[in-house]
Amino acid sequence: MNEVYDYLKKCGTYYLATVENDQPRVRPFGTVCLFENKLYIQTGKSKDVAKQIANSPKVEICACTGPTWIRVAGTLVEDERIEAQEAMLNDYPSLKNTYQAGDGNTVVYYFKEATATLSSFNDEPKVYHF
């Protein structure tokens, strides 16, 4: 999982795919955090993406840098604990202008039953399960 986390941090931006009814939705994200040995992402509860995750928590993210790319597919689980929110916000202090731990809008999710595949055009894919 550390390799997956390091890769996503290096990329800075990744793209999160969710489903709304029968329509795929993809948007850029930039938050990723390791907390209690789990890979977390963050958004606002008032956003459509949070509603989509609540209705269908299976998601996939994709990011690339140079000649490689990674896809992480899994189920997102909301973690309502203040400590998890604080861990994310401490990793991204600029978010504190918009989000506060325990504000009722900040939501963090961790990946459960996830598979990450690191690929390139030249090498065999590396697959990680967590």
Protein backbone atom coordinates (compact mmCIF):
# COMPACT_ATOMS: atom_id res chain seq x y z
CA MET A 1 0.00 0.00 0.00
CA ASN A 2 2.90 2.36 0.65
CA GLU A 3 3.96 2.09 -3.00
CA VAL A 4 0.43 2.94 -4.11
CA TYR A 5 0.29 5.89 -1.72
CA ASP A 6 3.73 7.17 -2.82
CA TYR A 7 2.74 6.92 -6.48
CA LEU A 8 -0.50 8.85 -5.95
CA LYS A 9 1.30 11.53 -3.91
CA LYS A 10 3.89 11.88 -6.68
CA CYS A 11 1.14 12.34 -9.27
CA GLY A 12 -0.63 15.00 -7.24
CA THR A 13 -3.84 14.70 -9.25
CA TYR A 14 -5.79 11.52 -9.83
CA TYR A 15 -9.20 10.93 -11.36
CA LEU A 16 -12.02 9.37 -9.36
CA ALA A 17 -14.76 7.46 -11.18
CA THR A 18 -18.16 7.00 -9.56
CA VAL A 19 -21.61 6.12 -10.85
CA GLU A 20 -24.73 8.28 -10.81
CA ASN A 21 -27.75 6.19 -11.75
CA ASP A 22 -26.41 4.54 -14.93
CA GLN A 23 -23.99 7.36 -15.84
CA PRO A 24 -20.26 7.18 -15.03
CA ARG A 25 -18.86 10.35 -13.46
CA VAL A 26 -15.14 11.19 -13.40
CA ARG A 27 -13.49 14.15 -11.76
CA PRO A 28 -10.01 15.22 -10.61
CA PHE A 29 -9.04 14.73 -6.98
CA GLY A 30 -5.84 15.48 -5.13
CA THR A 31 -6.20 14.23 -1.57
CA VAL A 32 -4.71 10.96 -0.44
CA CYS A 33 -3.63 10.01 3.06
CA LEU A 34 -2.37 6.98 4.93
CA PHE A 35 -4.04 6.66 8.30
CA GLU A 36 -3.99 3.57 10.50
CA ASN A 37 -2.57 1.56 7.61
CA LYS A 38 -5.46 2.42 5.27
CA LEU A 39 -5.54 4.52 2.11
CA TYR A 40 -7.93 7.49 2.49
CA ILE A 41 -9.42 10.15 0.22
CA GLN A 42 -11.49 13.21 1.17
CA THR A 43 -14.33 15.39 -0.12
CA GLY A 44 -17.29 17.42 1.11
CA LYS A 45 -20.57 15.74 2.09
CA SER A 46 -22.52 18.42 0.24
CA LYS A 47 -20.90 17.51 -3.10
CA ASP A 48 -22.51 15.24 -5.67
CA VAL A 49 -19.53 12.89 -5.48
CA ALA A 50 -20.29 12.13 -1.81
CA LYS A 51 -23.89 11.35 -2.71
CA GLN A 52 -22.73 9.07 -5.53
CA ILE A 53 -20.35 7.22 -3.18
CA ALA A 54 -23.15 6.82 -0.61
CA ASN A 55 -25.37 5.23 -3.28
CA SER A 56 -22.65 3.12 -4.89
CA PRO A 57 -19.39 2.89 -2.91
CA LYS A 58 -17.46 0.91 -5.56
CA VAL A 59 -15.11 3.36 -7.24
CA GLU A 60 -11.94 3.47 -9.27
CA ILE A 61 -9.17 6.03 -9.38
CA CYS A 62 -6.58 6.48 -12.09
CA ALA A 63 -3.39 8.55 -12.17
CA CYS A 64 -0.33 8.72 -14.37
CA THR A 65 3.16 10.09 -14.36
CA GLY A 66 5.72 9.68 -17.09
CA PRO A 67 5.29 6.34 -18.89
CA THR A 68 3.35 4.66 -16.05
CA TRP A 69 -0.17 4.75 -14.71
CA ILE A 70 -2.05 3.29 -11.79
CA ARG A 71 -5.65 2.22 -11.31
CA VAL A 72 -7.06 1.59 -7.86
CA ALA A 73 -10.43 -0.14 -7.70
CA GLY A 74 -12.29 -0.89 -4.51
CA THR A 75 -15.06 -0.05 -2.12
CA LEU A 76 -14.96 3.21 -0.18
CA VAL A 77 -15.98 3.15 3.47
CA GLU A 78 -16.79 6.40 5.26
CA ASP A 79 -14.82 6.96 8.46
CA GLU A 80 -16.72 9.42 10.66
CA ARG A 81 -13.99 9.73 13.29
CA ILE A 82 -12.57 13.18 13.92
CA GLU A 83 -9.06 11.65 14.08
CA ALA A 84 -9.33 10.41 10.49
CA GLN A 85 -10.53 13.80 9.30
CA GLU A 86 -7.73 15.54 11.20
CA ALA A 87 -5.12 13.23 9.68
CA MET A 88 -6.27 14.20 6.18
CA LEU A 89 -6.47 17.91 6.94
CA ASN A 90 -3.03 17.85 8.57
CA ASP A 91 -1.63 16.38 5.33
CA TYR A 92 -3.39 19.12 3.32
CA PRO A 93 -3.34 22.31 5.43
CA SER A 94 -4.72 24.38 2.52
CA LEU A 95 -8.01 22.50 2.89
CA LYS A 96 -8.47 24.02 6.34
CA ASN A 97 -9.71 27.18 4.59
CA THR A 98 -12.74 25.16 3.40
CA TYR A 99 -13.00 22.13 5.70
CA GLN A 100 -12.72 21.55 9.44
CA ALA A 101 -12.67 18.21 11.24
CA GLY A 102 -16.12 17.63 12.70
CA ASP A 103 -17.78 20.41 10.67
CA GLY A 104 -20.48 18.08 9.34
CA ASN A 105 -19.27 18.58 5.76
CA THR A 106 -15.80 17.02 5.79
CA VAL A 107 -15.96 13.37 4.84
CA VAL A 108 -13.08 10.90 4.55
CA TYR A 109 -13.21 7.42 3.08
CA TYR A 110 -10.80 4.52 3.14
CA PHE A 111 -10.41 1.82 0.52
CA LYS A 112 -11.61 -1.66 1.46
CA GLU A 113 -11.04 -4.73 -0.70
CA ALA A 114 -8.95 -2.69 -3.10
CA THR A 115 -6.79 -3.74 -6.01
CA ALA A 116 -4.17 -1.39 -7.40
CA THR A 117 -2.55 -2.08 -10.75
CA LEU A 118 0.61 -0.18 -11.73
CA SER A 119 1.12 -0.42 -15.49
CA SER A 120 3.34 0.75 -18.31
CA PHE A 121 3.69 -0.03 -22.00
CA ASN A 122 7.02 -1.79 -21.42
CA ASP A 123 6.77 -3.80 -18.19
CA GLU A 124 4.45 -6.37 -16.71
CA PRO A 125 1.80 -4.82 -14.43
CA LYS A 126 2.37 -4.85 -10.69
CA VAL A 127 -0.75 -5.72 -8.73
CA TYR A 128 -1.34 -4.85 -5.07
CA HIS A 129 -4.25 -5.93 -2.89
CA PHE A 130 -5.23 -4.17 0.33
